[in-house]
Amino acid sequence: MQNPQERPTYEILRTQREAAVEVIYERYGKKLYSYAINSWHLDEDTTWEIVYETLYKTIAKIDNYEFTSEKKFGSFLFTIFCNNLRRHYRDKKKREERLSFSTFNEQNFEAAKSDPELYTERKVQEQMVEASLQSYRQPETPEDSLMKIMEACLAKMQDWERILLLLRSQDMPYGEIAKYVSKPADQLKVYYQRARKKLEKLIEVELTSTSQD
């Protein structure tokens, strides 16, 4: 009889959906994490976010592909991961380019308050900054602001999930957070990603409901 540990990952993902995330995480999650941290120099939370995005996407696509070996499945998984890493850097670069366009020489900006020769430059800089801010602003009212929606969604979560999300948002180490949520520190990374996804879904539902009102 074949040892479950020897079964190809792709077979387990197809036949044991309820255990899919745990299985693929145990076999590949930490390897992908180490690769991204050491080779791409990403921060911890961003890395785990991309790792879990890759794992969930692989599970979703598993029935669309055939694999003849664990090695080929591993290559498939790694390809998805690298594509996600490249997209992250591409999006990050676009954001940085957009922000760099609106940056200004702070010294000249301040000097322009009293120097007529710098007045035109100062006005242009003000317009650039304002244009950049306007592109990010979304019309909102006190009733449907994203902050209030987020607070309402957090209130729907379990206490320990809410504490985990809030403390992690303050960059508190998982080892310290474990003291407040009564969960093993080495499992908090997994719980954190699940809690984030849960919050995102709650917010999505709330936003959809608000837009239909």
N, C-alpha and C. Protein backbone atom coordinates (compact mmCIF):
# COMPACT_ATOMS: atom_id res chain seq x y z
N MET A 1 0.84 -1.19 0.00
CA MET A 1 0.00 0.00 0.00
C MET A 1 0.89 1.25 0.00
N GLN A 2 0.56 2.24 -0.84
CA GLN A 2 1.38 3.43 -0.98
C GLN A 2 1.27 4.33 0.23
N ASN A 3 2.42 4.75 0.74
CA ASN A 3 2.47 5.69 1.86
C ASN A 3 1.90 7.03 1.41
N PRO A 4 0.96 7.63 2.18
CA PRO A 4 0.38 8.93 1.81
C PRO A 4 1.44 9.99 1.55
N GLN A 5 2.56 9.88 2.30
CA GLN A 5 3.63 10.85 2.12
C GLN A 5 4.32 10.70 0.76
N GLU A 6 4.17 9.54 0.13
CA GLU A 6 4.80 9.29 -1.15
C GLU A 6 3.89 9.59 -2.32
N ARG A 7 2.63 9.84 -2.05
CA ARG A 7 1.68 10.15 -3.12
C ARG A 7 2.03 11.48 -3.76
N PRO A 8 1.96 11.56 -5.10
CA PRO A 8 2.24 12.82 -5.77
C PRO A 8 1.30 13.91 -5.28
N THR A 9 1.83 15.10 -5.15
CA THR A 9 1.04 16.23 -4.64
C THR A 9 -0.19 16.47 -5.50
N TYR A 10 -0.02 16.38 -6.82
CA TYR A 10 -1.14 16.68 -7.72
C TYR A 10 -2.29 15.69 -7.56
N GLU A 11 -1.99 14.46 -7.19
CA GLU A 11 -3.05 13.48 -6.94
C GLU A 11 -3.81 13.83 -5.67
N ILE A 12 -3.07 14.22 -4.65
CA ILE A 12 -3.71 14.58 -3.38
C ILE A 12 -4.59 15.81 -3.56
N LEU A 13 -4.12 16.78 -4.33
CA LEU A 13 -4.90 17.99 -4.55
C LEU A 13 -6.21 17.70 -5.26
N ARG A 14 -6.21 16.69 -6.13
CA ARG A 14 -7.42 16.34 -6.88
C ARG A 14 -8.40 15.52 -6.06
N THR A 15 -7.88 14.70 -5.15
CA THR A 15 -8.75 13.77 -4.45
C THR A 15 -9.05 14.16 -3.00
N GLN A 16 -8.26 15.08 -2.44
CA GLN A 16 -8.47 15.49 -1.05
C GLN A 16 -8.49 17.01 -0.97
N ARG A 17 -9.53 17.58 -1.53
CA ARG A 17 -9.62 19.04 -1.62
C ARG A 17 -9.55 19.71 -0.25
N GLU A 18 -10.13 19.08 0.76
CA GLU A 18 -10.18 19.70 2.08
C GLU A 18 -8.80 19.83 2.70
N ALA A 19 -7.86 19.00 2.24
CA ALA A 19 -6.50 19.05 2.80
C ALA A 19 -5.52 19.68 1.84
N ALA A 20 -6.01 20.22 0.73
CA ALA A 20 -5.15 20.69 -0.35
C ALA A 20 -4.15 21.76 0.11
N VAL A 21 -4.65 22.77 0.81
CA VAL A 21 -3.78 23.88 1.21
C VAL A 21 -2.68 23.40 2.14
N GLU A 22 -3.06 22.57 3.14
CA GLU A 22 -2.07 22.09 4.10
C GLU A 22 -0.99 21.24 3.41
N VAL A 23 -1.43 20.38 2.49
CA VAL A 23 -0.48 19.49 1.81
C VAL A 23 0.50 20.27 0.96
N ILE A 24 0.00 21.16 0.13
CA ILE A 24 0.88 21.89 -0.78
C ILE A 24 1.76 22.88 0.00
N TYR A 25 1.23 23.38 1.12
CA TYR A 25 2.05 24.27 1.95
C TYR A 25 3.21 23.51 2.57
N GLU A 26 2.92 22.34 3.14
CA GLU A 26 3.95 21.56 3.80
C GLU A 26 5.06 21.14 2.83
N ARG A 27 4.68 20.84 1.60
CA ARG A 27 5.66 20.34 0.63
C ARG A 27 6.40 21.44 -0.12
N TYR A 28 5.75 22.58 -0.32
CA TYR A 28 6.36 23.60 -1.16
C TYR A 28 6.38 25.01 -0.55
N GLY A 29 5.50 25.29 0.40
CA GLY A 29 5.36 26.65 0.92
C GLY A 29 6.66 27.25 1.42
N LYS A 30 7.37 26.55 2.29
CA LYS A 30 8.58 27.08 2.89
C LYS A 30 9.71 27.20 1.88
N LYS A 31 9.74 26.32 0.89
CA LYS A 31 10.76 26.40 -0.16
C LYS A 31 10.56 27.66 -0.99
N LEU A 32 9.31 27.92 -1.36
CA LEU A 32 9.02 29.12 -2.14
C LEU A 32 9.33 30.36 -1.32
N TYR A 33 8.98 30.32 -0.04
CA TYR A 33 9.23 31.45 0.86
C TYR A 33 10.73 31.76 0.91
N SER A 34 11.54 30.73 1.13
CA SER A 34 12.99 30.91 1.22
C SER A 34 13.57 31.47 -0.07
N TYR A 35 13.06 30.97 -1.19
CA TYR A 35 13.54 31.45 -2.49
C TYR A 35 13.25 32.94 -2.66
N ALA A 36 12.04 33.36 -2.33
CA ALA A 36 11.65 34.77 -2.51
C ALA A 36 12.43 35.68 -1.56
N ILE A 37 12.60 35.24 -0.32
CA ILE A 37 13.33 36.05 0.67
C ILE A 37 14.79 36.19 0.27
N ASN A 38 15.43 35.09 -0.10
CA ASN A 38 16.87 35.10 -0.36
C ASN A 38 17.24 35.63 -1.74
N SER A 39 16.38 35.36 -2.74
CA SER A 39 16.72 35.75 -4.11
C SER A 39 16.06 37.05 -4.55
N TRP A 40 14.87 37.33 -4.01
CA TRP A 40 14.16 38.53 -4.43
C TRP A 40 14.13 39.60 -3.35
N HIS A 41 14.55 39.23 -2.14
CA HIS A 41 14.69 40.18 -1.03
C HIS A 41 13.38 40.91 -0.71
N LEU A 42 12.30 40.14 -0.68
CA LEU A 42 11.00 40.71 -0.33
C LEU A 42 10.83 40.71 1.19
N ASP A 43 9.92 41.54 1.69
CA ASP A 43 9.63 41.50 3.11
C ASP A 43 8.76 40.28 3.41
N GLU A 44 8.68 39.94 4.68
CA GLU A 44 8.05 38.70 5.10
C GLU A 44 6.58 38.60 4.71
N ASP A 45 5.81 39.65 4.99
CA ASP A 45 4.38 39.59 4.71
C ASP A 45 4.09 39.54 3.22
N THR A 46 4.82 40.32 2.44
CA THR A 46 4.63 40.30 0.98
C THR A 46 4.96 38.92 0.43
N THR A 47 6.02 38.32 0.95
CA THR A 47 6.43 36.99 0.49
C THR A 47 5.34 35.96 0.77
N TRP A 48 4.82 35.96 2.01
CA TRP A 48 3.78 34.98 2.33
C TRP A 48 2.52 35.23 1.51
N GLU A 49 2.22 36.48 1.22
CA GLU A 49 1.05 36.79 0.42
C GLU A 49 1.20 36.19 -0.98
N ILE A 50 2.40 36.32 -1.57
CA ILE A 50 2.63 35.77 -2.91
C ILE A 50 2.67 34.26 -2.87
N VAL A 51 3.24 33.70 -1.81
CA VAL A 51 3.28 32.23 -1.68
C VAL A 51 1.86 31.68 -1.65
N TYR A 52 1.00 32.26 -0.81
CA TYR A 52 -0.37 31.75 -0.70
C TYR A 52 -1.18 32.01 -1.97
N GLU A 53 -0.92 33.11 -2.61
CA GLU A 53 -1.59 33.37 -3.90
C GLU A 53 -1.23 32.27 -4.89
N THR A 54 0.05 31.87 -4.88
CA THR A 54 0.52 30.80 -5.77
C THR A 54 -0.12 29.46 -5.43
N LEU A 55 -0.18 29.15 -4.13
CA LEU A 55 -0.75 27.86 -3.72
C LEU A 55 -2.22 27.76 -4.09
N TYR A 56 -2.98 28.82 -3.82
CA TYR A 56 -4.41 28.80 -4.13
C TYR A 56 -4.64 28.76 -5.65
N LYS A 57 -3.82 29.48 -6.40
CA LYS A 57 -3.97 29.48 -7.85
C LYS A 57 -3.64 28.10 -8.42
N THR A 58 -2.63 27.45 -7.86
CA THR A 58 -2.26 26.10 -8.31
C THR A 58 -3.39 25.12 -8.05
N ILE A 59 -3.98 25.21 -6.88
CA ILE A 59 -5.11 24.33 -6.53
C ILE A 59 -6.27 24.56 -7.49
N ALA A 60 -6.53 25.83 -7.81
CA ALA A 60 -7.65 26.17 -8.69
C ALA A 60 -7.43 25.65 -10.12
N LYS A 61 -6.16 25.58 -10.54
CA LYS A 61 -5.86 25.20 -11.93
C LYS A 61 -5.51 23.72 -12.09
N ILE A 62 -5.43 22.98 -10.97
CA ILE A 62 -4.89 21.62 -11.01
C ILE A 62 -5.62 20.70 -11.99
N ASP A 63 -6.94 20.87 -12.12
CA ASP A 63 -7.70 19.98 -13.00
C ASP A 63 -7.53 20.30 -14.47
N ASN A 64 -6.88 21.40 -14.78
CA ASN A 64 -6.69 21.79 -16.17
C ASN A 64 -5.40 21.24 -16.77
N TYR A 65 -4.61 20.55 -15.93
CA TYR A 65 -3.30 20.08 -16.40
C TYR A 65 -3.08 18.61 -16.01
N GLU A 66 -2.24 17.96 -16.77
CA GLU A 66 -1.85 16.59 -16.48
C GLU A 66 -0.36 16.57 -16.15
N PHE A 67 0.01 15.79 -15.15
CA PHE A 67 1.41 15.70 -14.74
C PHE A 67 1.84 14.24 -14.73
N THR A 68 3.06 14.02 -15.15
CA THR A 68 3.57 12.64 -15.19
C THR A 68 4.54 12.36 -14.04
N SER A 69 4.88 13.39 -13.30
CA SER A 69 5.79 13.19 -12.16
C SER A 69 5.70 14.37 -11.21
N GLU A 70 6.18 14.16 -9.98
CA GLU A 70 6.20 15.23 -8.99
C GLU A 70 7.12 16.36 -9.45
N LYS A 71 8.18 16.00 -10.15
CA LYS A 71 9.12 17.01 -10.64
C LYS A 71 8.45 17.97 -11.61
N LYS A 72 7.63 17.43 -12.50
CA LYS A 72 6.93 18.29 -13.46
C LYS A 72 5.90 19.16 -12.76
N PHE A 73 5.26 18.60 -11.74
CA PHE A 73 4.31 19.41 -10.97
C PHE A 73 5.04 20.54 -10.25
N GLY A 74 6.20 20.21 -9.67
CA GLY A 74 6.99 21.22 -8.98
C GLY A 74 7.41 22.34 -9.92
N SER A 75 7.77 22.00 -11.14
CA SER A 75 8.15 23.01 -12.13
C SER A 75 6.97 23.89 -12.48
N PHE A 76 5.79 23.27 -12.58
CA PHE A 76 4.56 24.02 -12.86
C PHE A 76 4.27 25.02 -11.74
N LEU A 77 4.38 24.55 -10.51
CA LEU A 77 4.14 25.40 -9.34
C LEU A 77 5.15 26.55 -9.30
N PHE A 78 6.41 26.23 -9.56
CA PHE A 78 7.46 27.25 -9.50
C PHE A 78 7.27 28.30 -10.59
N THR A 79 6.78 27.88 -11.74
CA THR A 79 6.53 28.82 -12.83
C THR A 79 5.44 29.82 -12.43
N ILE A 80 4.37 29.32 -11.82
CA ILE A 80 3.30 30.20 -11.35
C ILE A 80 3.85 31.17 -10.31
N PHE A 81 4.69 30.67 -9.42
CA PHE A 81 5.27 31.51 -8.37
C PHE A 81 6.12 32.62 -8.97
N CYS A 82 6.96 32.28 -9.93
CA CYS A 82 7.83 33.28 -10.56
C CYS A 82 7.01 34.31 -11.33
N ASN A 83 5.93 33.87 -11.96
CA ASN A 83 5.06 34.81 -12.66
C ASN A 83 4.44 35.80 -11.67
N ASN A 84 4.04 35.30 -10.51
CA ASN A 84 3.47 36.17 -9.48
C ASN A 84 4.51 37.15 -8.94
N LEU A 85 5.75 36.67 -8.79
CA LEU A 85 6.83 37.55 -8.33
C LEU A 85 7.09 38.66 -9.35
N ARG A 86 7.13 38.28 -10.62
CA ARG A 86 7.39 39.28 -11.67
C ARG A 86 6.26 40.29 -11.72
N ARG A 87 5.02 39.83 -11.58
CA ARG A 87 3.90 40.76 -11.60
C ARG A 87 3.97 41.73 -10.42
N HIS A 88 4.37 41.18 -9.27
CA HIS A 88 4.50 42.04 -8.09
C HIS A 88 5.52 43.14 -8.35
N TYR A 89 6.67 42.79 -8.90
CA TYR A 89 7.70 43.79 -9.16
C TYR A 89 7.28 44.76 -10.26
N ARG A 90 6.56 44.25 -11.24
CA ARG A 90 6.08 45.12 -12.31
C ARG A 90 5.10 46.15 -11.76
N ASP A 91 4.18 45.69 -10.91
CA ASP A 91 3.20 46.61 -10.30
C ASP A 91 3.89 47.59 -9.35
N LYS A 92 4.87 47.08 -8.61
CA LYS A 92 5.60 47.94 -7.68
C LYS A 92 6.35 49.03 -8.43
N LYS A 93 6.96 48.66 -9.54
CA LYS A 93 7.70 49.63 -10.34
C LYS A 93 6.78 50.71 -10.88
N LYS A 94 5.59 50.31 -11.32
CA LYS A 94 4.62 51.28 -11.83
C LYS A 94 4.23 52.27 -10.74
N ARG A 95 4.01 51.73 -9.52
CA ARG A 95 3.63 52.61 -8.41
C ARG A 95 4.76 53.59 -8.09
N GLU A 96 6.00 53.07 -8.10
CA GLU A 96 7.14 53.93 -7.78
C GLU A 96 7.33 55.00 -8.84
N GLU A 97 7.14 54.63 -10.11
CA GLU A 97 7.28 55.61 -11.19
C GLU A 97 6.21 56.69 -11.06
N ARG A 98 5.02 56.27 -10.68
CA ARG A 98 3.95 57.25 -10.54
C ARG A 98 4.22 58.20 -9.39
N LEU A 99 4.71 57.65 -8.29
CA LEU A 99 5.02 58.49 -7.14
C LEU A 99 6.21 59.39 -7.41
N SER A 100 7.22 58.88 -8.13
CA SER A 100 8.41 59.68 -8.41
C SER A 100 8.05 60.89 -9.27
N PHE A 101 7.04 60.75 -10.08
CA PHE A 101 6.60 61.86 -10.92
C PHE A 101 6.09 63.02 -10.08
N SER A 102 5.50 62.69 -8.94
CA SER A 102 4.90 63.73 -8.10
C SER A 102 5.81 64.19 -6.97
N THR A 103 7.03 63.62 -6.88
CA THR A 103 7.95 64.08 -5.84
C THR A 103 8.49 65.45 -6.21
N PHE A 104 8.96 66.16 -5.22
CA PHE A 104 9.50 67.49 -5.48
C PHE A 104 10.66 67.78 -4.56
N ASN A 105 11.47 68.72 -4.96
CA ASN A 105 12.60 69.13 -4.15
C ASN A 105 12.08 69.94 -2.98
N GLU A 106 12.08 69.36 -1.81
CA GLU A 106 11.46 70.01 -0.64
C GLU A 106 12.15 71.32 -0.30
N GLN A 107 13.46 71.36 -0.49
CA GLN A 107 14.19 72.58 -0.17
C GLN A 107 13.74 73.73 -1.08
N ASN A 108 13.65 73.43 -2.38
CA ASN A 108 13.19 74.46 -3.32
C ASN A 108 11.74 74.85 -3.05
N PHE A 109 10.96 73.84 -2.69
CA PHE A 109 9.55 74.09 -2.41
C PHE A 109 9.40 75.10 -1.27
N GLU A 110 10.16 74.89 -0.22
CA GLU A 110 10.10 75.80 0.92
C GLU A 110 10.68 77.16 0.57
N ALA A 111 11.79 77.14 -0.18
CA ALA A 111 12.42 78.40 -0.55
C ALA A 111 11.52 79.24 -1.44
N ALA A 112 10.68 78.55 -2.23
CA ALA A 112 9.81 79.25 -3.17
C ALA A 112 8.80 80.14 -2.47
N LYS A 113 8.59 79.91 -1.20
CA LYS A 113 7.64 80.74 -0.46
C LYS A 113 8.10 82.19 -0.40
N SER A 114 9.43 82.38 -0.43
CA SER A 114 9.95 83.74 -0.32
C SER A 114 10.79 84.17 -1.51
N ASP A 115 11.02 83.24 -2.45
CA ASP A 115 11.85 83.54 -3.61
C ASP A 115 10.99 83.60 -4.86
N PRO A 116 10.74 84.79 -5.42
CA PRO A 116 9.89 84.93 -6.61
C PRO A 116 10.39 84.13 -7.80
N GLU A 117 11.72 83.92 -7.89
CA GLU A 117 12.28 83.22 -9.04
C GLU A 117 11.88 81.74 -9.03
N LEU A 118 11.54 81.24 -7.87
CA LEU A 118 11.15 79.84 -7.76
C LEU A 118 9.63 79.67 -7.72
N TYR A 119 8.92 80.77 -7.86
CA TYR A 119 7.47 80.72 -7.70
C TYR A 119 6.83 79.80 -8.74
N THR A 120 7.24 79.92 -10.00
CA THR A 120 6.65 79.09 -11.07
C THR A 120 6.91 77.61 -10.81
N GLU A 121 8.15 77.29 -10.43
CA GLU A 121 8.49 75.89 -10.13
C GLU A 121 7.62 75.38 -8.99
N ARG A 122 7.44 76.22 -7.98
CA ARG A 122 6.64 75.81 -6.83
C ARG A 122 5.20 75.53 -7.24
N LYS A 123 4.62 76.37 -8.08
CA LYS A 123 3.24 76.17 -8.51
C LYS A 123 3.10 74.89 -9.32
N VAL A 124 4.09 74.62 -10.18
CA VAL A 124 4.06 73.39 -10.97
C VAL A 124 4.12 72.17 -10.07
N GLN A 125 4.99 72.25 -9.06
CA GLN A 125 5.13 71.13 -8.13
C GLN A 125 3.83 70.91 -7.37
N GLU A 126 3.21 72.01 -6.93
CA GLU A 126 1.93 71.89 -6.22
C GLU A 126 0.89 71.21 -7.08
N GLN A 127 0.85 71.57 -8.35
CA GLN A 127 -0.13 70.99 -9.26
C GLN A 127 0.14 69.51 -9.50
N MET A 128 1.44 69.16 -9.58
CA MET A 128 1.80 67.76 -9.79
C MET A 128 1.37 66.91 -8.59
N VAL A 129 1.64 67.44 -7.40
CA VAL A 129 1.27 66.70 -6.19
C VAL A 129 -0.25 66.56 -6.10
N GLU A 130 -0.95 67.65 -6.37
CA GLU A 130 -2.40 67.63 -6.30
C GLU A 130 -2.99 66.66 -7.32
N ALA A 131 -2.42 66.65 -8.53
CA ALA A 131 -2.90 65.73 -9.57
C ALA A 131 -2.70 64.29 -9.15
N SER A 132 -1.55 64.02 -8.52
CA SER A 132 -1.27 62.66 -8.05
C SER A 132 -2.25 62.25 -6.98
N LEU A 133 -2.53 63.15 -6.03
CA LEU A 133 -3.46 62.84 -4.95
C LEU A 133 -4.87 62.65 -5.48
N GLN A 134 -5.26 63.48 -6.44
CA GLN A 134 -6.60 63.38 -7.00
C GLN A 134 -6.84 62.04 -7.67
N SER A 135 -5.79 61.49 -8.28
CA SER A 135 -5.94 60.22 -8.98
C SER A 135 -6.19 59.07 -8.03
N TYR A 136 -5.80 59.24 -6.76
CA TYR A 136 -6.00 58.19 -5.77
C TYR A 136 -7.27 58.39 -4.95
N ARG A 137 -7.80 59.60 -4.96
CA ARG A 137 -8.98 59.88 -4.14
C ARG A 137 -10.22 59.24 -4.73
N GLN A 138 -11.04 58.73 -3.87
CA GLN A 138 -12.32 58.17 -4.27
C GLN A 138 -13.41 58.91 -3.51
N PRO A 139 -14.47 59.29 -4.18
CA PRO A 139 -15.55 59.97 -3.47
C PRO A 139 -16.14 59.07 -2.40
N GLU A 140 -16.27 59.59 -1.22
CA GLU A 140 -16.82 58.78 -0.14
C GLU A 140 -17.57 59.66 0.84
N THR A 141 -18.44 59.04 1.59
CA THR A 141 -19.18 59.74 2.63
C THR A 141 -18.80 59.09 3.95
N PRO A 142 -19.10 59.75 5.07
CA PRO A 142 -18.78 59.15 6.37
C PRO A 142 -19.44 57.78 6.54
N GLU A 143 -20.59 57.58 5.88
CA GLU A 143 -21.32 56.32 6.07
C GLU A 143 -20.67 55.14 5.36
N ASP A 144 -20.08 55.41 4.18
CA ASP A 144 -19.57 54.26 3.42
C ASP A 144 -18.06 54.32 3.22
N SER A 145 -17.36 55.03 4.09
CA SER A 145 -15.90 55.10 3.97
C SER A 145 -15.31 53.71 4.18
N LEU A 146 -14.18 53.49 3.53
CA LEU A 146 -13.54 52.18 3.62
C LEU A 146 -13.14 51.85 5.04
N MET A 147 -12.74 52.87 5.79
CA MET A 147 -12.33 52.62 7.17
C MET A 147 -13.48 52.07 8.00
N LYS A 148 -14.65 52.66 7.84
CA LYS A 148 -15.80 52.19 8.61
C LYS A 148 -16.22 50.79 8.17
N ILE A 149 -16.11 50.53 6.88
CA ILE A 149 -16.44 49.20 6.38
C ILE A 149 -15.47 48.18 6.95
N MET A 150 -14.18 48.54 6.98
CA MET A 150 -13.17 47.62 7.52
C MET A 150 -13.42 47.35 8.99
N GLU A 151 -13.75 48.39 9.75
CA GLU A 151 -14.03 48.22 11.17
C GLU A 151 -15.24 47.31 11.39
N ALA A 152 -16.25 47.48 10.55
CA ALA A 152 -17.45 46.64 10.67
C ALA A 152 -17.13 45.19 10.35
N CYS A 153 -16.27 44.98 9.35
CA CYS A 153 -15.91 43.62 8.96
C CYS A 153 -15.02 42.97 10.02
N LEU A 154 -14.12 43.74 10.60
CA LEU A 154 -13.27 43.21 11.67
C LEU A 154 -14.12 42.76 12.86
N ALA A 155 -15.19 43.49 13.11
CA ALA A 155 -16.07 43.17 14.24
C ALA A 155 -16.77 41.83 14.04
N LYS A 156 -16.88 41.38 12.78
CA LYS A 156 -17.54 40.11 12.48
C LYS A 156 -16.60 38.92 12.65
N MET A 157 -15.32 39.18 12.82
CA MET A 157 -14.34 38.10 12.93
C MET A 157 -14.17 37.68 14.38
N GLN A 158 -13.55 36.52 14.56
CA GLN A 158 -13.29 36.04 15.91
C GLN A 158 -12.27 36.97 16.58
N ASP A 159 -12.32 37.02 17.90
CA ASP A 159 -11.45 37.93 18.65
C ASP A 159 -9.98 37.69 18.32
N TRP A 160 -9.55 36.43 18.31
CA TRP A 160 -8.14 36.14 18.08
C TRP A 160 -7.71 36.51 16.66
N GLU A 161 -8.62 36.38 15.69
CA GLU A 161 -8.31 36.76 14.32
C GLU A 161 -8.11 38.27 14.23
N ARG A 162 -9.00 39.00 14.90
CA ARG A 162 -8.92 40.45 14.90
C ARG A 162 -7.63 40.93 15.57
N ILE A 163 -7.29 40.31 16.68
CA ILE A 163 -6.06 40.68 17.40
C ILE A 163 -4.84 40.38 16.53
N LEU A 164 -4.84 39.22 15.88
CA LEU A 164 -3.73 38.83 15.01
C LEU A 164 -3.53 39.86 13.90
N LEU A 165 -4.61 40.23 13.23
CA LEU A 165 -4.51 41.18 12.13
C LEU A 165 -4.03 42.55 12.61
N LEU A 166 -4.57 43.02 13.71
CA LEU A 166 -4.23 44.35 14.20
C LEU A 166 -2.79 44.41 14.70
N LEU A 167 -2.36 43.39 15.43
CA LEU A 167 -1.00 43.40 15.95
C LEU A 167 0.03 43.21 14.84
N ARG A 168 -0.33 42.38 13.86
CA ARG A 168 0.60 42.16 12.75
C ARG A 168 0.72 43.43 11.89
N SER A 169 -0.36 44.20 11.82
CA SER A 169 -0.32 45.45 11.05
C SER A 169 0.64 46.45 11.70
N GLN A 170 0.97 46.22 12.97
CA GLN A 170 1.93 47.06 13.68
C GLN A 170 3.32 46.43 13.69
N ASP A 171 3.50 45.40 12.83
CA ASP A 171 4.80 44.72 12.68
C ASP A 171 5.25 44.00 13.94
N MET A 172 4.31 43.61 14.81
CA MET A 172 4.69 42.83 15.98
C MET A 172 5.09 41.43 15.55
N PRO A 173 6.20 40.89 16.04
CA PRO A 173 6.65 39.55 15.66
C PRO A 173 5.62 38.49 16.04
N TYR A 174 5.57 37.43 15.25
CA TYR A 174 4.61 36.36 15.52
C TYR A 174 4.82 35.74 16.90
N GLY A 175 6.08 35.68 17.33
CA GLY A 175 6.37 35.11 18.63
C GLY A 175 5.70 35.89 19.76
N GLU A 176 5.63 37.21 19.62
CA GLU A 176 4.98 38.05 20.62
C GLU A 176 3.45 37.95 20.51
N ILE A 177 2.96 37.92 19.26
CA ILE A 177 1.51 37.85 19.05
C ILE A 177 0.94 36.57 19.64
N ALA A 178 1.72 35.49 19.59
CA ALA A 178 1.25 34.20 20.10
C ALA A 178 0.80 34.29 21.55
N LYS A 179 1.39 35.19 22.30
CA LYS A 179 1.04 35.34 23.72
C LYS A 179 -0.38 35.87 23.90
N TYR A 180 -0.88 36.57 22.89
CA TYR A 180 -2.19 37.21 23.01
C TYR A 180 -3.33 36.42 22.35
N VAL A 181 -2.98 35.47 21.49
CA VAL A 181 -4.02 34.75 20.75
C VAL A 181 -4.08 33.26 21.08
N SER A 182 -3.19 32.82 21.94
CA SER A 182 -3.18 31.40 22.37
C SER A 182 -3.08 30.46 21.17
N LYS A 183 -2.20 30.80 20.25
CA LYS A 183 -1.95 29.96 19.08
C LYS A 183 -0.44 29.75 18.97
N PRO A 184 0.00 28.58 18.44
CA PRO A 184 1.44 28.34 18.28
C PRO A 184 2.05 29.37 17.34
N ALA A 185 3.19 29.93 17.73
CA ALA A 185 3.84 30.97 16.93
C ALA A 185 4.20 30.49 15.54
N ASP A 186 4.60 29.20 15.42
CA ASP A 186 5.03 28.71 14.11
C ASP A 186 3.87 28.48 13.15
N GLN A 187 2.63 28.59 13.65
CA GLN A 187 1.46 28.44 12.78
C GLN A 187 0.78 29.77 12.48
N LEU A 188 1.24 30.83 13.12
CA LEU A 188 0.56 32.11 12.98
C LEU A 188 0.67 32.69 11.57
N LYS A 189 1.73 32.36 10.85
CA LYS A 189 1.86 32.85 9.48
C LYS A 189 0.70 32.33 8.63
N VAL A 190 0.38 31.05 8.83
CA VAL A 190 -0.73 30.45 8.10
C VAL A 190 -2.05 31.09 8.52
N TYR A 191 -2.25 31.21 9.84
CA TYR A 191 -3.48 31.82 10.34
C TYR A 191 -3.62 33.27 9.87
N TYR A 192 -2.50 33.97 9.81
CA TYR A 192 -2.53 35.37 9.39
C TYR A 192 -3.02 35.49 7.94
N GLN A 193 -2.49 34.66 7.07
CA GLN A 193 -2.91 34.71 5.66
C GLN A 193 -4.39 34.35 5.51
N ARG A 194 -4.83 33.37 6.29
CA ARG A 194 -6.25 32.98 6.23
C ARG A 194 -7.14 34.13 6.74
N ALA A 195 -6.69 34.76 7.82
CA ALA A 195 -7.47 35.86 8.39
C ALA A 195 -7.55 37.03 7.41
N ARG A 196 -6.45 37.30 6.72
CA ARG A 196 -6.45 38.38 5.73
C ARG A 196 -7.43 38.09 4.61
N LYS A 197 -7.41 36.86 4.13
CA LYS A 197 -8.33 36.49 3.05
C LYS A 197 -9.78 36.57 3.52
N LYS A 198 -10.01 36.16 4.77
CA LYS A 198 -11.36 36.22 5.33
C LYS A 198 -11.83 37.67 5.40
N LEU A 199 -10.95 38.57 5.86
CA LEU A 199 -11.29 39.98 5.95
C LEU A 199 -11.54 40.57 4.56
N GLU A 200 -10.71 40.19 3.59
CA GLU A 200 -10.88 40.70 2.23
C GLU A 200 -12.23 40.29 1.66
N LYS A 201 -12.63 39.05 1.93
CA LYS A 201 -13.93 38.58 1.43
C LYS A 201 -15.08 39.33 2.10
N LEU A 202 -14.95 39.56 3.41
CA LEU A 202 -15.99 40.29 4.13
C LEU A 202 -16.12 41.72 3.58
N ILE A 203 -14.98 42.35 3.32
CA ILE A 203 -14.99 43.71 2.78
C ILE A 203 -15.59 43.72 1.39
N GLU A 204 -15.23 42.72 0.58
CA GLU A 204 -15.77 42.64 -0.78
C GLU A 204 -17.28 42.51 -0.76
N VAL A 205 -17.78 41.66 0.13
CA VAL A 205 -19.24 41.47 0.25
C VAL A 205 -19.89 42.78 0.70
N GLU A 206 -19.25 43.44 1.67
CA GLU A 206 -19.81 44.69 2.21
C GLU A 206 -19.82 45.78 1.15
N LEU A 207 -18.74 45.87 0.36
CA LEU A 207 -18.66 46.88 -0.69
C LEU A 207 -19.72 46.61 -1.78
N THR A 208 -19.90 45.33 -2.11
CA THR A 208 -20.88 44.96 -3.11
C THR A 208 -22.29 45.33 -2.62
N SER A 209 -22.53 45.02 -1.34
CA SER A 209 -23.85 45.34 -0.75
C SER A 209 -24.08 46.84 -0.74
N THR A 210 -23.03 47.60 -0.40
CA THR A 210 -23.15 49.07 -0.34
C THR A 210 -23.42 49.66 -1.71
N SER A 211 -22.75 49.12 -2.75
CA SER A 211 -22.92 49.66 -4.10
C SER A 211 -24.29 49.37 -4.66
N GLN A 212 -24.97 48.34 -4.11
CA GLN A 212 -26.30 47.98 -4.61
C GLN A 212 -27.41 48.73 -3.91
N ASP A 213 -27.05 49.37 -2.79
CA ASP A 213 -28.07 50.13 -2.04
C ASP A 213 -28.46 51.40 -2.76
